[in-house]
PDB file of all heavy atoms in Angstrom:
ATOM      1  N   GLY A   1     -15.851   6.929 -20.345  1.00  0.00           N
ATOM      2  CA  GLY A   1     -15.405   5.759 -21.068  1.00  0.00           C
ATOM      3  C   GLY A   1     -13.968   5.325 -20.787  1.00  0.00           C
ATOM      4  O   GLY A   1     -13.533   4.276 -21.240  1.00  0.00           O
ATOM      5  N   VAL A   2     -13.237   6.113 -19.999  1.00  0.00           N
ATOM      6  CA  VAL A   2     -11.867   5.781 -19.589  1.00  0.00           C
ATOM      7  C   VAL A   2     -11.705   5.724 -18.092  1.00  0.00           C
ATOM      8  O   VAL A   2     -11.344   4.665 -17.534  1.00  0.00           O
ATOM      9  CB  VAL A   2     -10.867   6.780 -20.170  1.00  0.00           C
ATOM     10  CG1 VAL A   2      -9.451   6.444 -19.775  1.00  0.00           C
ATOM     11  CG2 VAL A   2     -10.969   6.821 -21.729  1.00  0.00           C
ATOM     12  N   VAL A   3     -12.026   6.775 -17.393  1.00  0.00           N
ATOM     13  CA  VAL A   3     -11.961   6.841 -15.913  1.00  0.00           C
ATOM     14  C   VAL A   3     -13.149   6.086 -15.399  1.00  0.00           C
ATOM     15  O   VAL A   3     -14.282   6.440 -15.700  1.00  0.00           O
ATOM     16  CB  VAL A   3     -11.897   8.236 -15.373  1.00  0.00           C
ATOM     17  CG1 VAL A   3     -12.026   8.270 -13.888  1.00  0.00           C
ATOM     18  CG2 VAL A   3     -10.552   8.916 -15.815  1.00  0.00           C
ATOM     19  N   PRO A   4     -12.926   5.076 -14.533  1.00  0.00           N
ATOM     20  CA  PRO A   4     -14.086   4.328 -13.963  1.00  0.00           C
ATOM     21  C   PRO A   4     -14.989   5.293 -13.104  1.00  0.00           C
ATOM     22  O   PRO A   4     -14.465   5.985 -12.207  1.00  0.00           O
ATOM     23  CB  PRO A   4     -13.480   3.242 -13.111  1.00  0.00           C
ATOM     24  CG  PRO A   4     -12.111   3.090 -13.634  1.00  0.00           C
ATOM     25  CD  PRO A   4     -11.637   4.483 -14.175  1.00  0.00           C
ATOM     26  N   ALA A   5     -16.268   5.321 -13.428  1.00  0.00           N
ATOM     27  CA  ALA A   5     -17.149   6.256 -12.668  1.00  0.00           C
ATOM     28  C   ALA A   5     -17.256   5.859 -11.202  1.00  0.00           C
ATOM     29  O   ALA A   5     -17.233   4.685 -10.875  1.00  0.00           O
ATOM     30  CB  ALA A   5     -18.561   6.159 -13.282  1.00  0.00           C
ATOM     31  N   GLY A   6     -17.165   6.868 -10.346  1.00  0.00           N
ATOM     32  CA  GLY A   6     -17.267   6.673  -8.874  1.00  0.00           C
ATOM     33  C   GLY A   6     -16.114   6.050  -8.223  1.00  0.00           C
ATOM     34  O   GLY A   6     -16.146   5.600  -7.134  1.00  0.00           O
ATOM     35  N   SER A   7     -14.945   6.037  -8.927  1.00  0.00           N
ATOM     36  CA  SER A   7     -13.715   5.472  -8.320  1.00  0.00           C
ATOM     37  C   SER A   7     -13.085   6.464  -7.379  1.00  0.00           C
ATOM     38  O   SER A   7     -13.270   7.658  -7.437  1.00  0.00           O
ATOM     39  CB  SER A   7     -12.753   5.025  -9.414  1.00  0.00           C
ATOM     40  OG  SER A   7     -12.468   6.109 -10.311  1.00  0.00           O
ATOM     41  N   VAL A   8     -12.314   5.888  -6.461  1.00  0.00           N
ATOM     42  CA  VAL A   8     -11.666   6.689  -5.422  1.00  0.00           C
ATOM     43  C   VAL A   8     -10.205   6.218  -5.326  1.00  0.00           C
ATOM     44  O   VAL A   8      -9.904   5.023  -5.345  1.00  0.00           O
ATOM     45  CB  VAL A   8     -12.326   6.480  -4.054  1.00  0.00           C
ATOM     46  CG1 VAL A   8     -11.574   7.293  -2.950  1.00  0.00           C
ATOM     47  CG2 VAL A   8     -13.824   6.962  -4.099  1.00  0.00           C
ATOM     48  N   ASP A   9      -9.266   7.162  -5.253  1.00  0.00           N
ATOM     49  CA  ASP A   9      -7.848   6.846  -5.137  1.00  0.00           C
ATOM     50  C   ASP A   9      -7.321   7.664  -3.995  1.00  0.00           C
ATOM     51  O   ASP A   9      -7.443   8.899  -3.908  1.00  0.00           O
ATOM     52  CB  ASP A   9      -7.077   7.201  -6.413  1.00  0.00           C
ATOM     53  CG  ASP A   9      -5.723   6.658  -6.498  1.00  0.00           C
ATOM     54  OD1 ASP A   9      -4.898   6.875  -5.520  1.00  0.00           O
ATOM     55  OD2 ASP A   9      -5.378   6.065  -7.571  1.00  0.00           O
ATOM     56  N   ASP A  10      -6.649   6.972  -3.018  1.00  0.00           N
ATOM     57  CA  ASP A  10      -6.122   7.634  -1.798  1.00  0.00           C
ATOM     58  C   ASP A  10      -4.609   7.868  -1.910  1.00  0.00           C
ATOM     59  O   ASP A  10      -3.942   8.096  -0.878  1.00  0.00           O
ATOM     60  CB  ASP A  10      -6.528   6.863  -0.556  1.00  0.00           C
ATOM     61  CG  ASP A  10      -5.934   5.471  -0.551  1.00  0.00           C
ATOM     62  OD1 ASP A  10      -5.266   5.068  -1.475  1.00  0.00           O
ATOM     63  OD2 ASP A  10      -6.306   4.727   0.446  1.00  0.00           O
ATOM     64  N   THR A  11      -4.068   7.752  -3.124  1.00  0.00           N
ATOM     65  CA  THR A  11      -2.575   7.971  -3.299  1.00  0.00           C
ATOM     66  C   THR A  11      -2.277   9.470  -3.196  1.00  0.00           C
ATOM     67  O   THR A  11      -2.976  10.292  -3.773  1.00  0.00           O
ATOM     68  CB  THR A  11      -2.149   7.446  -4.665  1.00  0.00           C
ATOM     69  OG1 THR A  11      -2.535   6.117  -4.777  1.00  0.00           O
ATOM     70  CG2 THR A  11      -0.653   7.600  -4.899  1.00  0.00           C
ATOM     71  N   PRO A  12      -1.250   9.887  -2.479  1.00  0.00           N
ATOM     72  CA  PRO A  12      -0.839  11.274  -2.483  1.00  0.00           C
ATOM     73  C   PRO A  12      -0.406  11.788  -3.940  1.00  0.00           C
ATOM     74  O   PRO A  12       0.460  11.066  -4.555  1.00  0.00           O
ATOM     75  CB  PRO A  12       0.345  11.325  -1.540  1.00  0.00           C
ATOM     76  CG  PRO A  12       0.212  10.130  -0.670  1.00  0.00           C
ATOM     77  CD  PRO A  12      -0.430   9.108  -1.540  1.00  0.00           C
ATOM     78  N   VAL A  13      -1.010  12.764  -4.420  1.00  0.00           N
ATOM     79  CA  VAL A  13      -0.696  13.295  -5.751  1.00  0.00           C
ATOM     80  C   VAL A  13      -0.602  14.809  -5.613  1.00  0.00           C
ATOM     81  O   VAL A  13      -1.006  15.433  -4.626  1.00  0.00           O
ATOM     82  CB  VAL A  13      -1.762  12.929  -6.806  1.00  0.00           C
ATOM     83  CG1 VAL A  13      -1.805  11.426  -6.971  1.00  0.00           C
ATOM     84  CG2 VAL A  13      -3.166  13.456  -6.437  1.00  0.00           C
ATOM     85  N   CYS A  14      -0.175  15.447  -6.705  1.00  0.00           N
ATOM     86  CA  CYS A  14       0.082  16.886  -6.659  1.00  0.00           C
ATOM     87  C   CYS A  14      -0.247  17.581  -7.990  1.00  0.00           C
ATOM     88  O   CYS A  14      -0.157  16.893  -9.065  1.00  0.00           O
ATOM     89  CB  CYS A  14       1.558  17.127  -6.316  1.00  0.00           C
ATOM     90  SG  CYS A  14       1.961  18.875  -6.012  1.00  0.00           S
ATOM     91  N   HIS A  15      -0.641  18.857  -7.930  1.00  0.00           N
ATOM     92  CA  HIS A  15      -0.945  19.538  -9.197  1.00  0.00           C
ATOM     93  C   HIS A  15       0.186  19.551 -10.227  1.00  0.00           C
ATOM     94  O   HIS A  15      -0.081  19.594 -11.435  1.00  0.00           O
ATOM     95  CB  HIS A  15      -1.265  21.022  -8.865  1.00  0.00           C
ATOM     96  CG  HIS A  15      -2.553  21.202  -8.128  1.00  0.00           C
ATOM     97  ND1 HIS A  15      -3.309  20.179  -7.681  1.00  0.00           N
ATOM     98  CD2 HIS A  15      -3.165  22.335  -7.692  1.00  0.00           C
ATOM     99  CE1 HIS A  15      -4.373  20.649  -7.061  1.00  0.00           C
ATOM    100  NE2 HIS A  15      -4.323  21.943  -7.037  1.00  0.00           N
ATOM    101  N   VAL A  16       1.426  19.511  -9.764  1.00  0.00           N
ATOM    102  CA  VAL A  16       2.544  19.507 -10.721  1.00  0.00           C
ATOM    103  C   VAL A  16       2.451  18.268 -11.624  1.00  0.00           C
ATOM    104  O   VAL A  16       3.106  18.246 -12.645  1.00  0.00           O
ATOM    105  CB  VAL A  16       3.878  19.552 -10.002  1.00  0.00           C
ATOM    106  CG1 VAL A  16       4.119  20.851  -9.319  1.00  0.00           C
ATOM    107  CG2 VAL A  16       4.062  18.382  -9.033  1.00  0.00           C
ATOM    108  N   ASP A  17       1.676  17.239 -11.207  1.00  0.00           N
ATOM    109  CA  ASP A  17       1.638  16.001 -12.005  1.00  0.00           C
ATOM    110  C   ASP A  17       0.834  16.157 -13.260  1.00  0.00           C
ATOM    111  O   ASP A  17       0.886  15.254 -14.119  1.00  0.00           O
ATOM    112  CB  ASP A  17       1.072  14.878 -11.122  1.00  0.00           C
ATOM    113  CG  ASP A  17       1.938  14.583  -9.938  1.00  0.00           C
ATOM    114  OD1 ASP A  17       3.119  14.816  -9.977  1.00  0.00           O
ATOM    115  OD2 ASP A  17       1.384  14.108  -8.955  1.00  0.00           O
ATOM    116  N   LEU A  18       0.113  17.219 -13.476  1.00  0.00           N
ATOM    117  CA  LEU A  18      -0.732  17.320 -14.673  1.00  0.00           C
ATOM    118  C   LEU A  18       0.113  17.402 -15.941  1.00  0.00           C
ATOM    119  O   LEU A  18      -0.259  16.885 -16.986  1.00  0.00           O
ATOM    120  CB  LEU A  18      -1.671  18.566 -14.545  1.00  0.00           C
ATOM    121  CG  LEU A  18      -2.763  18.455 -13.522  1.00  0.00           C
ATOM    122  CD1 LEU A  18      -3.597  19.719 -13.532  1.00  0.00           C
ATOM    123  CD2 LEU A  18      -3.685  17.261 -13.838  1.00  0.00           C
ATOM    124  N   MET A  19       1.284  18.046 -15.851  1.00  0.00           N
ATOM    125  CA  MET A  19       2.110  18.187 -17.083  1.00  0.00           C
ATOM    126  C   MET A  19       2.536  16.838 -17.533  1.00  0.00           C
ATOM    127  O   MET A  19       2.340  16.490 -18.783  1.00  0.00           O
ATOM    128  CB  MET A  19       3.367  19.010 -16.755  1.00  0.00           C
ATOM    129  CG  MET A  19       4.321  19.152 -17.945  1.00  0.00           C
ATOM    130  SD  MET A  19       3.685  20.073 -19.314  1.00  0.00           S
ATOM    131  CE  MET A  19       4.143  21.746 -18.824  1.00  0.00           C
ATOM    132  N   ALA A  20       3.097  15.958 -16.718  1.00  0.00           N
ATOM    133  CA  ALA A  20       3.512  14.618 -17.225  1.00  0.00           C
ATOM    134  C   ALA A  20       2.358  13.768 -17.606  1.00  0.00           C
ATOM    135  O   ALA A  20       2.449  12.963 -18.529  1.00  0.00           O
ATOM    136  CB  ALA A  20       4.386  13.971 -16.141  1.00  0.00           C
ATOM    137  N   THR A  21       1.254  13.910 -16.875  1.00  0.00           N
ATOM    138  CA  THR A  21       0.012  13.103 -17.148  1.00  0.00           C
ATOM    139  C   THR A  21      -0.471  13.487 -18.577  1.00  0.00           C
ATOM    140  O   THR A  21      -0.776  12.566 -19.407  1.00  0.00           O
ATOM    141  CB  THR A  21      -1.016  13.422 -16.138  1.00  0.00           C
ATOM    142  OG1 THR A  21      -0.536  13.089 -14.789  1.00  0.00           O
ATOM    143  CG2 THR A  21      -2.295  12.571 -16.413  1.00  0.00           C
ATOM    144  N   PHE A  22      -0.588  14.701 -18.855  1.00  0.00           N
ATOM    145  CA  PHE A  22      -1.146  15.175 -20.149  1.00  0.00           C
ATOM    146  C   PHE A  22      -0.108  14.897 -21.262  1.00  0.00           C
ATOM    147  O   PHE A  22      -0.505  14.539 -22.402  1.00  0.00           O
ATOM    148  CB  PHE A  22      -1.491  16.633 -20.157  1.00  0.00           C
ATOM    149  CG  PHE A  22      -2.724  16.918 -19.359  1.00  0.00           C
ATOM    150  CD1 PHE A  22      -2.808  17.996 -18.517  1.00  0.00           C
ATOM    151  CD2 PHE A  22      -3.836  16.058 -19.423  1.00  0.00           C
ATOM    152  CE1 PHE A  22      -3.895  18.320 -17.777  1.00  0.00           C
ATOM    153  CE2 PHE A  22      -4.974  16.346 -18.643  1.00  0.00           C
ATOM    154  CZ  PHE A  22      -5.019  17.455 -17.854  1.00  0.00           C
ATOM    155  N   ALA A  23       1.170  14.969 -20.983  1.00  0.00           N
ATOM    156  CA  ALA A  23       2.193  14.538 -21.985  1.00  0.00           C
ATOM    157  C   ALA A  23       2.010  13.076 -22.378  1.00  0.00           C
ATOM    158  O   ALA A  23       2.025  12.777 -23.533  1.00  0.00           O
ATOM    159  CB  ALA A  23       3.575  14.830 -21.487  1.00  0.00           C
ATOM    160  N   GLU A  24       1.843  12.248 -21.382  1.00  0.00           N
ATOM    161  CA  GLU A  24       1.698  10.853 -21.709  1.00  0.00           C
ATOM    162  C   GLU A  24       0.336  10.631 -22.465  1.00  0.00           C
ATOM    163  O   GLU A  24       0.254   9.824 -23.393  1.00  0.00           O
ATOM    164  CB  GLU A  24       1.706   9.977 -20.491  1.00  0.00           C
ATOM    165  CG  GLU A  24       1.632   8.525 -20.739  1.00  0.00           C
ATOM    166  CD  GLU A  24       1.809   7.607 -19.539  1.00  0.00           C
ATOM    167  OE1 GLU A  24       1.934   8.177 -18.424  1.00  0.00           O
ATOM    168  OE2 GLU A  24       1.859   6.397 -19.711  1.00  0.00           O
ATOM    169  N   LEU A  25      -0.690  11.305 -22.099  1.00  0.00           N
ATOM    170  CA  LEU A  25      -1.959  11.233 -22.784  1.00  0.00           C
ATOM    171  C   LEU A  25      -1.792  11.567 -24.273  1.00  0.00           C
ATOM    172  O   LEU A  25      -2.437  10.904 -25.148  1.00  0.00           O
ATOM    173  CB  LEU A  25      -3.018  12.154 -22.162  1.00  0.00           C
ATOM    174  CG  LEU A  25      -4.444  12.195 -22.666  1.00  0.00           C
ATOM    175  CD1 LEU A  25      -5.435  12.587 -21.556  1.00  0.00           C
ATOM    176  CD2 LEU A  25      -4.588  13.177 -23.816  1.00  0.00           C
ATOM    177  N   LEU A  26      -0.931  12.579 -24.527  1.00  0.00           N
ATOM    178  CA  LEU A  26      -0.719  12.979 -25.942  1.00  0.00           C
ATOM    179  C   LEU A  26       0.317  12.149 -26.640  1.00  0.00           C
ATOM    180  O   LEU A  26       0.583  12.398 -27.843  1.00  0.00           O
ATOM    181  CB  LEU A  26      -0.279  14.476 -25.910  1.00  0.00           C
ATOM    182  CG  LEU A  26      -1.307  15.471 -25.408  1.00  0.00           C
ATOM    183  CD1 LEU A  26      -0.622  16.831 -25.231  1.00  0.00           C
ATOM    184  CD2 LEU A  26      -2.479  15.542 -26.352  1.00  0.00           C
ATOM    185  N   GLY A  27       0.882  11.175 -25.932  1.00  0.00           N
ATOM    186  CA  GLY A  27       1.929  10.363 -26.541  1.00  0.00           C
ATOM    187  C   GLY A  27       3.257  11.104 -26.709  1.00  0.00           C
ATOM    188  O   GLY A  27       4.056  10.765 -27.566  1.00  0.00           O
ATOM    189  N   ALA A  28       3.512  12.097 -25.888  1.00  0.00           N
ATOM    190  CA  ALA A  28       4.687  12.907 -25.944  1.00  0.00           C
ATOM    191  C   ALA A  28       5.533  12.714 -24.699  1.00  0.00           C
ATOM    192  O   ALA A  28       5.076  12.174 -23.637  1.00  0.00           O
ATOM    193  CB  ALA A  28       4.335  14.366 -26.096  1.00  0.00           C
ATOM    194  N   GLN A  29       6.783  13.082 -24.753  1.00  0.00           N
ATOM    195  CA  GLN A  29       7.619  13.135 -23.551  1.00  0.00           C
ATOM    196  C   GLN A  29       7.306  14.347 -22.719  1.00  0.00           C
ATOM    197  O   GLN A  29       7.082  15.457 -23.266  1.00  0.00           O
ATOM    198  CB  GLN A  29       9.105  13.153 -23.973  1.00  0.00           C
ATOM    199  CG  GLN A  29       9.602  11.841 -24.602  1.00  0.00           C
ATOM    200  CD  GLN A  29       9.690  10.672 -23.558  1.00  0.00           C
ATOM    201  OE1 GLN A  29       9.903  10.957 -22.362  1.00  0.00           O
ATOM    202  NE2 GLN A  29       9.482   9.497 -23.999  1.00  0.00           N
ATOM    203  N   ALA A  30       7.325  14.161 -21.411  1.00  0.00           N
ATOM    204  CA  ALA A  30       7.209  15.354 -20.553  1.00  0.00           C
ATOM    205  C   ALA A  30       8.362  16.252 -20.742  1.00  0.00           C
ATOM    206  O   ALA A  30       9.478  15.818 -20.917  1.00  0.00           O
ATOM    207  CB  ALA A  30       7.128  14.928 -19.097  1.00  0.00           C
ATOM    208  N   PRO A  31       8.148  17.608 -20.832  1.00  0.00           N
ATOM    209  CA  PRO A  31       9.245  18.499 -21.036  1.00  0.00           C
ATOM    210  C   PRO A  31      10.336  18.330 -19.954  1.00  0.00           C
ATOM    211  O   PRO A  31       9.997  18.052 -18.797  1.00  0.00           O
ATOM    212  CB  PRO A  31       8.631  19.875 -20.905  1.00  0.00           C
ATOM    213  CG  PRO A  31       7.145  19.636 -21.214  1.00  0.00           C
ATOM    214  CD  PRO A  31       6.844  18.311 -20.731  1.00  0.00           C
ATOM    215  N   ALA A  32      11.555  18.447 -20.298  1.00  0.00           N
ATOM    216  CA  ALA A  32      12.644  18.269 -19.381  1.00  0.00           C
ATOM    217  C   ALA A  32      12.575  19.294 -18.237  1.00  0.00           C
ATOM    218  O   ALA A  32      13.032  19.100 -17.131  1.00  0.00           O
ATOM    219  CB  ALA A  32      14.037  18.383 -20.071  1.00  0.00           C
ATOM    220  N   SER A  33      11.917  20.503 -18.543  1.00  0.00           N
ATOM    221  CA  SER A  33      11.799  21.549 -17.541  1.00  0.00           C
ATOM    222  C   SER A  33      10.753  21.222 -16.516  1.00  0.00           C
ATOM    223  O   SER A  33      10.641  21.904 -15.541  1.00  0.00           O
ATOM    224  CB  SER A  33      11.509  22.830 -18.302  1.00  0.00           C
ATOM    225  OG  SER A  33      10.252  22.750 -18.973  1.00  0.00           O
TER     226      SER A  33
END
C-alpha cells in the first residue's frame, strides 16, 4: 500500500541508510550518532 509493487530504483544506496529511513518513518530525528 506504500511502496509501488514492481518498482526499480538504480540510485546508489547503503545499509547505513536504514537508521535515518526508519527514524523518518517513525516521525523521529535520526540519532546524532
